[in-house]
Amino acid sequence: MKWLVEMLESSPGLANNLIMEFDEIDLSHCQTAREASFRIANMGVQIAIDHFGRGSSSLARFSDMKVHWLKLDSRYINHEDSSANKDYLSMICDLVDKLGVNAVIPNIETHTQLDLAKEVGAYGVQGFLIAKPLSIYEQI
């Protein structure tokens, strides 16, 4: 953590271009992870919670955190034919939007899943249908 703070302090503007992703379970069970996310968020880094809905935590647990992005657990998009999953996705997307948090649905691999993500109001999507993962070296 020390190296990250030093880098952010020595590079003005860098923090505003970063999104750091923390796993929901790590944030809900590890005080150090929560403290780290709070510290770097105060420096301007955007915070994302990944795999939301996989663990047993609730949005209330994250109410005292600076969260900008909420990536839902992929199991809810993998069963796109389930009305219960659609209702859950709609509810979460609507709620986090009202809290000023952007909901992202990962693992979009079919047009049906993409249509569902649009229908439930997801702010963004990730997945093979959108783009395959690239090596950082392919980007340089």
N, C-alpha and C. Protein backbone atom coordinates (compact mmCIF):
# COMPACT_ATOMS: atom_id res chain seq x y z
N MET A 1 0.83 -1.19 0.00
CA MET A 1 0.00 0.00 0.00
C MET A 1 0.87 1.25 0.00
N LYS A 2 1.98 1.18 0.72
CA LYS A 2 2.85 2.34 0.83
C LYS A 2 3.34 2.79 -0.55
N TRP A 3 3.72 1.84 -1.39
CA TRP A 3 4.23 2.19 -2.72
C TRP A 3 3.16 2.89 -3.56
N LEU A 4 1.91 2.44 -3.42
CA LEU A 4 0.82 3.04 -4.18
C LEU A 4 0.58 4.48 -3.73
N VAL A 5 0.53 4.70 -2.44
CA VAL A 5 0.32 6.04 -1.91
C VAL A 5 1.45 6.96 -2.36
N GLU A 6 2.69 6.47 -2.29
CA GLU A 6 3.83 7.28 -2.72
C GLU A 6 3.73 7.62 -4.21
N MET A 7 3.32 6.67 -5.02
CA MET A 7 3.18 6.91 -6.45
C MET A 7 2.09 7.94 -6.72
N LEU A 8 0.98 7.80 -6.03
CA LEU A 8 -0.13 8.74 -6.23
C LEU A 8 0.25 10.15 -5.77
N GLU A 9 1.00 10.23 -4.69
CA GLU A 9 1.43 11.54 -4.18
C GLU A 9 2.45 12.20 -5.10
N SER A 10 3.30 11.40 -5.74
CA SER A 10 4.35 11.96 -6.58
C SER A 10 3.91 12.21 -8.02
N SER A 11 2.71 11.75 -8.38
CA SER A 11 2.21 11.91 -9.75
C SER A 11 0.85 12.60 -9.74
N PRO A 12 0.86 13.92 -9.67
CA PRO A 12 -0.42 14.64 -9.64
C PRO A 12 -1.30 14.27 -10.84
N GLY A 13 -2.55 14.06 -10.58
CA GLY A 13 -3.49 13.72 -11.64
C GLY A 13 -3.62 12.23 -11.92
N LEU A 14 -2.66 11.44 -11.47
CA LEU A 14 -2.72 9.99 -11.73
C LEU A 14 -3.95 9.36 -11.08
N ALA A 15 -4.23 9.73 -9.85
CA ALA A 15 -5.34 9.12 -9.11
C ALA A 15 -6.66 9.30 -9.84
N ASN A 16 -6.84 10.44 -10.49
CA ASN A 16 -8.11 10.71 -11.18
C ASN A 16 -8.30 9.84 -12.41
N ASN A 17 -7.27 9.13 -12.82
CA ASN A 17 -7.35 8.26 -13.99
C ASN A 17 -7.37 6.77 -13.64
N LEU A 18 -7.48 6.48 -12.35
CA LEU A 18 -7.43 5.08 -11.91
C LEU A 18 -8.75 4.62 -11.31
N ILE A 19 -9.05 3.36 -11.56
CA ILE A 19 -10.15 2.67 -10.88
C ILE A 19 -9.53 1.44 -10.24
N MET A 20 -9.65 1.31 -8.94
CA MET A 20 -9.14 0.14 -8.23
C MET A 20 -10.31 -0.75 -7.86
N GLU A 21 -10.17 -2.01 -8.18
CA GLU A 21 -11.23 -2.98 -7.98
C GLU A 21 -10.92 -3.83 -6.76
N PHE A 22 -11.90 -3.94 -5.87
CA PHE A 22 -11.78 -4.78 -4.69
C PHE A 22 -12.89 -5.82 -4.74
N ASP A 23 -12.58 -7.02 -4.33
CA ASP A 23 -13.58 -8.09 -4.28
C ASP A 23 -14.53 -7.84 -3.12
N GLU A 24 -15.80 -8.09 -3.35
CA GLU A 24 -16.82 -7.87 -2.32
C GLU A 24 -16.47 -8.60 -1.03
N ILE A 25 -16.06 -9.84 -1.12
CA ILE A 25 -15.78 -10.64 0.07
C ILE A 25 -14.60 -10.07 0.84
N ASP A 26 -13.56 -9.62 0.12
CA ASP A 26 -12.41 -9.01 0.79
C ASP A 26 -12.82 -7.76 1.55
N LEU A 27 -13.63 -6.92 0.91
CA LEU A 27 -14.06 -5.68 1.57
C LEU A 27 -14.98 -5.95 2.76
N SER A 28 -15.79 -6.98 2.65
CA SER A 28 -16.73 -7.22 3.74
C SER A 28 -16.09 -7.92 4.94
N HIS A 29 -14.97 -8.60 4.73
CA HIS A 29 -14.36 -9.36 5.83
C HIS A 29 -12.98 -8.87 6.24
N CYS A 30 -12.45 -7.89 5.55
CA CYS A 30 -11.07 -7.46 5.84
C CYS A 30 -11.03 -5.95 6.08
N GLN A 31 -10.84 -5.59 7.32
CA GLN A 31 -10.79 -4.17 7.69
C GLN A 31 -9.66 -3.46 6.96
N THR A 32 -8.53 -4.13 6.75
CA THR A 32 -7.40 -3.52 6.05
C THR A 32 -7.77 -3.14 4.62
N ALA A 33 -8.52 -4.00 3.94
CA ALA A 33 -8.95 -3.70 2.57
C ALA A 33 -9.89 -2.50 2.57
N ARG A 34 -10.80 -2.43 3.53
CA ARG A 34 -11.71 -1.28 3.61
C ARG A 34 -10.93 0.01 3.86
N GLU A 35 -9.95 -0.06 4.77
CA GLU A 35 -9.15 1.13 5.07
C GLU A 35 -8.33 1.56 3.86
N ALA A 36 -7.76 0.59 3.14
CA ALA A 36 -6.99 0.91 1.94
C ALA A 36 -7.87 1.56 0.89
N SER A 37 -9.07 1.01 0.69
CA SER A 37 -9.96 1.58 -0.33
C SER A 37 -10.36 3.00 0.05
N PHE A 38 -10.61 3.24 1.32
CA PHE A 38 -10.99 4.58 1.77
C PHE A 38 -9.84 5.56 1.57
N ARG A 39 -8.64 5.12 1.90
CA ARG A 39 -7.47 6.01 1.78
C ARG A 39 -7.22 6.41 0.33
N ILE A 40 -7.23 5.45 -0.57
CA ILE A 40 -6.94 5.81 -1.96
C ILE A 40 -8.13 6.54 -2.60
N ALA A 41 -9.33 6.27 -2.15
CA ALA A 41 -10.49 7.02 -2.65
C ALA A 41 -10.37 8.49 -2.27
N ASN A 42 -9.86 8.75 -1.07
CA ASN A 42 -9.66 10.14 -0.64
C ASN A 42 -8.57 10.84 -1.45
N MET A 43 -7.74 10.05 -2.14
CA MET A 43 -6.70 10.62 -2.99
C MET A 43 -7.21 10.83 -4.42
N GLY A 44 -8.45 10.39 -4.70
CA GLY A 44 -9.04 10.60 -6.01
C GLY A 44 -9.22 9.36 -6.86
N VAL A 45 -8.77 8.21 -6.38
CA VAL A 45 -8.94 6.96 -7.11
C VAL A 45 -10.40 6.53 -7.01
N GLN A 46 -10.99 6.09 -8.12
CA GLN A 46 -12.34 5.56 -8.07
C GLN A 46 -12.29 4.11 -7.58
N ILE A 47 -13.29 3.73 -6.79
CA ILE A 47 -13.34 2.39 -6.19
C ILE A 47 -14.45 1.58 -6.83
N ALA A 48 -14.11 0.36 -7.19
CA ALA A 48 -15.09 -0.59 -7.74
C ALA A 48 -15.17 -1.80 -6.82
N ILE A 49 -16.37 -2.27 -6.60
CA ILE A 49 -16.58 -3.52 -5.86
C ILE A 49 -16.93 -4.58 -6.89
N ASP A 50 -16.12 -5.64 -6.93
CA ASP A 50 -16.31 -6.72 -7.90
C ASP A 50 -17.05 -7.89 -7.25
N HIS A 51 -17.77 -8.62 -8.06
CA HIS A 51 -18.50 -9.83 -7.64
C HIS A 51 -19.59 -9.54 -6.62
N PHE A 52 -20.22 -8.36 -6.72
CA PHE A 52 -21.26 -8.04 -5.74
C PHE A 52 -22.42 -9.02 -5.89
N GLY A 53 -22.85 -9.57 -4.76
CA GLY A 53 -23.93 -10.55 -4.77
C GLY A 53 -23.42 -11.97 -4.60
N ARG A 54 -22.11 -12.14 -4.62
CA ARG A 54 -21.53 -13.47 -4.43
C ARG A 54 -21.43 -13.82 -2.96
N GLY A 55 -21.10 -12.84 -2.16
CA GLY A 55 -20.93 -13.07 -0.73
C GLY A 55 -22.22 -12.78 0.02
N SER A 56 -22.08 -12.58 1.30
CA SER A 56 -23.27 -12.36 2.13
C SER A 56 -23.37 -10.91 2.60
N SER A 57 -22.58 -10.03 2.01
CA SER A 57 -22.63 -8.64 2.45
C SER A 57 -23.81 -7.91 1.81
N SER A 58 -24.09 -6.76 2.34
CA SER A 58 -25.19 -5.97 1.82
C SER A 58 -24.67 -4.59 1.42
N LEU A 59 -25.50 -3.84 0.74
CA LEU A 59 -25.10 -2.48 0.39
C LEU A 59 -24.87 -1.63 1.64
N ALA A 60 -25.57 -1.96 2.72
CA ALA A 60 -25.40 -1.20 3.96
C ALA A 60 -23.96 -1.28 4.46
N ARG A 61 -23.32 -2.41 4.25
CA ARG A 61 -21.93 -2.58 4.70
C ARG A 61 -21.02 -1.59 3.98
N PHE A 62 -21.38 -1.21 2.77
CA PHE A 62 -20.53 -0.33 1.98
C PHE A 62 -20.98 1.13 2.03
N SER A 63 -21.99 1.43 2.86
CA SER A 63 -22.55 2.78 2.87
C SER A 63 -21.55 3.82 3.38
N ASP A 64 -20.58 3.41 4.18
CA ASP A 64 -19.60 4.36 4.70
C ASP A 64 -18.35 4.44 3.82
N MET A 65 -18.39 3.75 2.67
CA MET A 65 -17.25 3.75 1.76
C MET A 65 -17.53 4.67 0.58
N LYS A 66 -16.47 5.06 -0.09
CA LYS A 66 -16.60 5.82 -1.33
C LYS A 66 -16.55 4.82 -2.47
N VAL A 67 -17.71 4.40 -2.93
CA VAL A 67 -17.80 3.43 -4.02
C VAL A 67 -18.32 4.13 -5.26
N HIS A 68 -17.65 3.92 -6.38
CA HIS A 68 -18.04 4.54 -7.64
C HIS A 68 -18.64 3.53 -8.62
N TRP A 69 -18.19 2.29 -8.54
CA TRP A 69 -18.59 1.24 -9.48
C TRP A 69 -18.96 -0.01 -8.69
N LEU A 70 -20.01 -0.67 -9.13
CA LEU A 70 -20.43 -1.93 -8.52
C LEU A 70 -20.58 -2.95 -9.64
N LYS A 71 -19.70 -3.94 -9.65
CA LYS A 71 -19.77 -4.99 -10.66
C LYS A 71 -20.51 -6.18 -10.06
N LEU A 72 -21.64 -6.49 -10.64
CA LEU A 72 -22.46 -7.57 -10.12
C LEU A 72 -21.83 -8.92 -10.39
N ASP A 73 -22.12 -9.87 -9.54
CA ASP A 73 -21.61 -11.22 -9.75
C ASP A 73 -22.20 -11.80 -11.04
N SER A 74 -21.39 -12.50 -11.79
CA SER A 74 -21.80 -12.98 -13.11
C SER A 74 -22.90 -14.03 -13.08
N ARG A 75 -23.15 -14.63 -11.95
CA ARG A 75 -24.19 -15.67 -11.93
C ARG A 75 -25.57 -15.12 -12.29
N TYR A 76 -25.76 -13.82 -12.07
CA TYR A 76 -27.07 -13.24 -12.36
C TYR A 76 -27.29 -13.02 -13.86
N ILE A 77 -26.23 -12.90 -14.62
CA ILE A 77 -26.38 -12.74 -16.06
C ILE A 77 -26.32 -14.09 -16.77
N ASN A 78 -25.73 -15.08 -16.12
CA ASN A 78 -25.62 -16.41 -16.73
C ASN A 78 -26.96 -17.13 -16.81
N HIS A 79 -27.93 -16.67 -16.06
CA HIS A 79 -29.27 -17.27 -16.07
C HIS A 79 -30.27 -16.21 -16.53
N GLU A 80 -30.01 -15.67 -17.73
CA GLU A 80 -30.79 -14.53 -18.20
C GLU A 80 -32.26 -14.85 -18.43
N ASP A 81 -32.62 -16.13 -18.47
CA ASP A 81 -34.01 -16.49 -18.70
C ASP A 81 -34.82 -16.49 -17.40
N SER A 82 -34.16 -16.26 -16.27
CA SER A 82 -34.84 -16.28 -14.98
C SER A 82 -35.42 -14.90 -14.67
N SER A 83 -36.73 -14.85 -14.41
CA SER A 83 -37.35 -13.57 -14.08
C SER A 83 -36.85 -13.07 -12.73
N ALA A 84 -36.51 -13.98 -11.81
CA ALA A 84 -35.98 -13.57 -10.51
C ALA A 84 -34.64 -12.85 -10.69
N ASN A 85 -33.78 -13.37 -11.58
CA ASN A 85 -32.50 -12.70 -11.83
C ASN A 85 -32.71 -11.35 -12.48
N LYS A 86 -33.66 -11.27 -13.40
CA LYS A 86 -33.96 -9.99 -14.05
C LYS A 86 -34.44 -8.98 -13.01
N ASP A 87 -35.31 -9.40 -12.12
CA ASP A 87 -35.82 -8.51 -11.08
C ASP A 87 -34.68 -8.06 -10.16
N TYR A 88 -33.81 -8.99 -9.80
CA TYR A 88 -32.67 -8.67 -8.93
C TYR A 88 -31.77 -7.65 -9.61
N LEU A 89 -31.42 -7.90 -10.87
CA LEU A 89 -30.56 -6.99 -11.61
C LEU A 89 -31.19 -5.60 -11.72
N SER A 90 -32.48 -5.55 -12.03
CA SER A 90 -33.19 -4.27 -12.13
C SER A 90 -33.15 -3.52 -10.81
N MET A 91 -33.42 -4.22 -9.74
CA MET A 91 -33.47 -3.61 -8.42
C MET A 91 -32.10 -3.04 -8.03
N ILE A 92 -31.05 -3.83 -8.21
CA ILE A 92 -29.72 -3.38 -7.84
C ILE A 92 -29.27 -2.21 -8.72
N CYS A 93 -29.48 -2.32 -10.03
CA CYS A 93 -29.08 -1.23 -10.93
C CYS A 93 -29.80 0.06 -10.57
N ASP A 94 -31.07 -0.01 -10.27
CA ASP A 94 -31.85 1.17 -9.91
C ASP A 94 -31.38 1.75 -8.58
N LEU A 95 -31.18 0.88 -7.60
CA LEU A 95 -30.77 1.34 -6.28
C LEU A 95 -29.40 2.00 -6.30
N VAL A 96 -28.42 1.35 -6.92
CA VAL A 96 -27.08 1.94 -6.90
C VAL A 96 -27.02 3.21 -7.74
N ASP A 97 -27.83 3.29 -8.78
CA ASP A 97 -27.90 4.53 -9.56
C ASP A 97 -28.38 5.67 -8.67
N LYS A 98 -29.36 5.41 -7.85
CA LYS A 98 -29.87 6.44 -6.94
C LYS A 98 -28.83 6.84 -5.89
N LEU A 99 -27.88 5.95 -5.63
CA LEU A 99 -26.80 6.23 -4.68
C LEU A 99 -25.60 6.88 -5.36
N GLY A 100 -25.69 7.08 -6.68
CA GLY A 100 -24.59 7.69 -7.42
C GLY A 100 -23.49 6.72 -7.78
N VAL A 101 -23.81 5.44 -7.78
CA VAL A 101 -22.84 4.39 -8.10
C VAL A 101 -23.21 3.79 -9.46
N ASN A 102 -22.21 3.48 -10.26
CA ASN A 102 -22.42 2.91 -11.59
C ASN A 102 -22.43 1.38 -11.53
N ALA A 103 -23.51 0.77 -11.98
CA ALA A 103 -23.61 -0.70 -11.99
C ALA A 103 -23.05 -1.23 -13.31
N VAL A 104 -22.19 -2.25 -13.19
CA VAL A 104 -21.60 -2.90 -14.35
C VAL A 104 -21.94 -4.38 -14.29
N ILE A 105 -22.36 -4.92 -15.42
CA ILE A 105 -22.64 -6.36 -15.50
C ILE A 105 -21.54 -7.01 -16.35
N PRO A 106 -20.76 -7.90 -15.73
CA PRO A 106 -19.67 -8.56 -16.46
C PRO A 106 -20.13 -9.84 -17.14
N ASN A 107 -19.21 -10.45 -17.87
CA ASN A 107 -19.42 -11.75 -18.52
C ASN A 107 -20.52 -11.72 -19.58
N ILE A 108 -20.62 -10.62 -20.30
CA ILE A 108 -21.59 -10.54 -21.39
C ILE A 108 -21.00 -11.28 -22.59
N GLU A 109 -21.65 -12.39 -22.95
CA GLU A 109 -21.13 -13.23 -24.04
C GLU A 109 -22.14 -13.44 -25.16
N THR A 110 -23.40 -13.03 -24.93
CA THR A 110 -24.43 -13.21 -25.96
C THR A 110 -25.20 -11.90 -26.12
N HIS A 111 -25.87 -11.77 -27.25
CA HIS A 111 -26.70 -10.59 -27.48
C HIS A 111 -27.90 -10.57 -26.54
N THR A 112 -28.38 -11.75 -26.14
CA THR A 112 -29.48 -11.83 -25.18
C THR A 112 -29.04 -11.23 -23.84
N GLN A 113 -27.83 -11.54 -23.42
CA GLN A 113 -27.31 -10.99 -22.17
C GLN A 113 -27.12 -9.47 -22.28
N LEU A 114 -26.63 -9.02 -23.42
CA LEU A 114 -26.44 -7.59 -23.62
C LEU A 114 -27.79 -6.86 -23.59
N ASP A 115 -28.79 -7.44 -24.24
CA ASP A 115 -30.13 -6.85 -24.22
C ASP A 115 -30.68 -6.78 -22.81
N LEU A 116 -30.44 -7.84 -22.03
CA LEU A 116 -30.90 -7.86 -20.64
C LEU A 116 -30.20 -6.76 -19.83
N ALA A 117 -28.90 -6.61 -20.02
CA ALA A 117 -28.15 -5.58 -19.29
C ALA A 117 -28.71 -4.20 -19.60
N LYS A 118 -29.03 -3.95 -20.85
CA LYS A 118 -29.63 -2.66 -21.24
C LYS A 118 -31.00 -2.50 -20.60
N GLU A 119 -31.79 -3.58 -20.62
CA GLU A 119 -33.16 -3.52 -20.10
C GLU A 119 -33.21 -3.23 -18.61
N VAL A 120 -32.25 -3.79 -17.86
CA VAL A 120 -32.28 -3.60 -16.41
C VAL A 120 -31.60 -2.31 -15.96
N GLY A 121 -31.02 -1.58 -16.92
CA GLY A 121 -30.45 -0.28 -16.60
C GLY A 121 -29.01 -0.28 -16.15
N ALA A 122 -28.24 -1.29 -16.54
CA ALA A 122 -26.81 -1.30 -16.18
C ALA A 122 -26.12 -0.12 -16.83
N TYR A 123 -25.22 0.50 -16.10
CA TYR A 123 -24.45 1.62 -16.63
C TYR A 123 -23.44 1.15 -17.67
N GLY A 124 -22.89 -0.05 -17.42
CA GLY A 124 -21.88 -0.58 -18.33
C GLY A 124 -21.86 -2.09 -18.31
N VAL A 125 -21.14 -2.65 -19.27
CA VAL A 125 -21.00 -4.10 -19.38
C VAL A 125 -19.55 -4.44 -19.69
N GLN A 126 -19.19 -5.68 -19.43
CA GLN A 126 -17.89 -6.24 -19.80
C GLN A 126 -18.14 -7.64 -20.31
N GLY A 127 -17.26 -8.12 -21.16
CA GLY A 127 -17.37 -9.51 -21.59
C GLY A 127 -16.85 -9.73 -22.99
N PHE A 128 -16.76 -11.00 -23.37
CA PHE A 128 -16.21 -11.39 -24.66
C PHE A 128 -17.01 -10.82 -25.83
N LEU A 129 -18.31 -10.60 -25.65
CA LEU A 129 -19.10 -10.02 -26.72
C LEU A 129 -18.63 -8.60 -27.04
N ILE A 130 -18.17 -7.90 -26.03
CA ILE A 130 -17.72 -6.52 -26.18
C ILE A 130 -16.27 -6.49 -26.67
N ALA A 131 -15.39 -7.19 -25.98
CA ALA A 131 -13.98 -7.25 -26.35
C ALA A 131 -13.31 -8.37 -25.57
N LYS A 132 -12.40 -9.06 -26.21
CA LYS A 132 -11.63 -10.10 -25.54
C LYS A 132 -10.53 -9.43 -24.73
N PRO A 133 -10.14 -10.05 -23.61
CA PRO A 133 -9.05 -9.48 -22.81
C PRO A 133 -7.78 -9.38 -23.64
N LEU A 134 -7.05 -8.29 -23.41
CA LEU A 134 -5.80 -8.07 -24.12
C LEU A 134 -4.66 -8.00 -23.12
N SER A 135 -3.52 -8.45 -23.54
CA SER A 135 -2.32 -8.31 -22.74
C SER A 135 -1.93 -6.84 -22.70
N ILE A 136 -1.41 -6.41 -21.58
CA ILE A 136 -0.96 -5.02 -21.47
C ILE A 136 0.10 -4.74 -22.54
N TYR A 137 0.86 -5.76 -22.90
CA TYR A 137 1.93 -5.57 -23.88
C TYR A 137 1.37 -5.32 -25.28
N GLU A 138 0.15 -5.77 -25.53
CA GLU A 138 -0.49 -5.50 -26.81
C GLU A 138 -0.95 -4.05 -26.90
N GLN A 139 -1.03 -3.38 -25.76
CA GLN A 139 -1.51 -2.00 -25.71
C GLN A 139 -0.38 -0.98 -25.83
N ILE A 140 0.84 -1.43 -25.65
CA ILE A 140 1.99 -0.51 -25.64
C ILE A 140 2.48 -0.28 -27.06
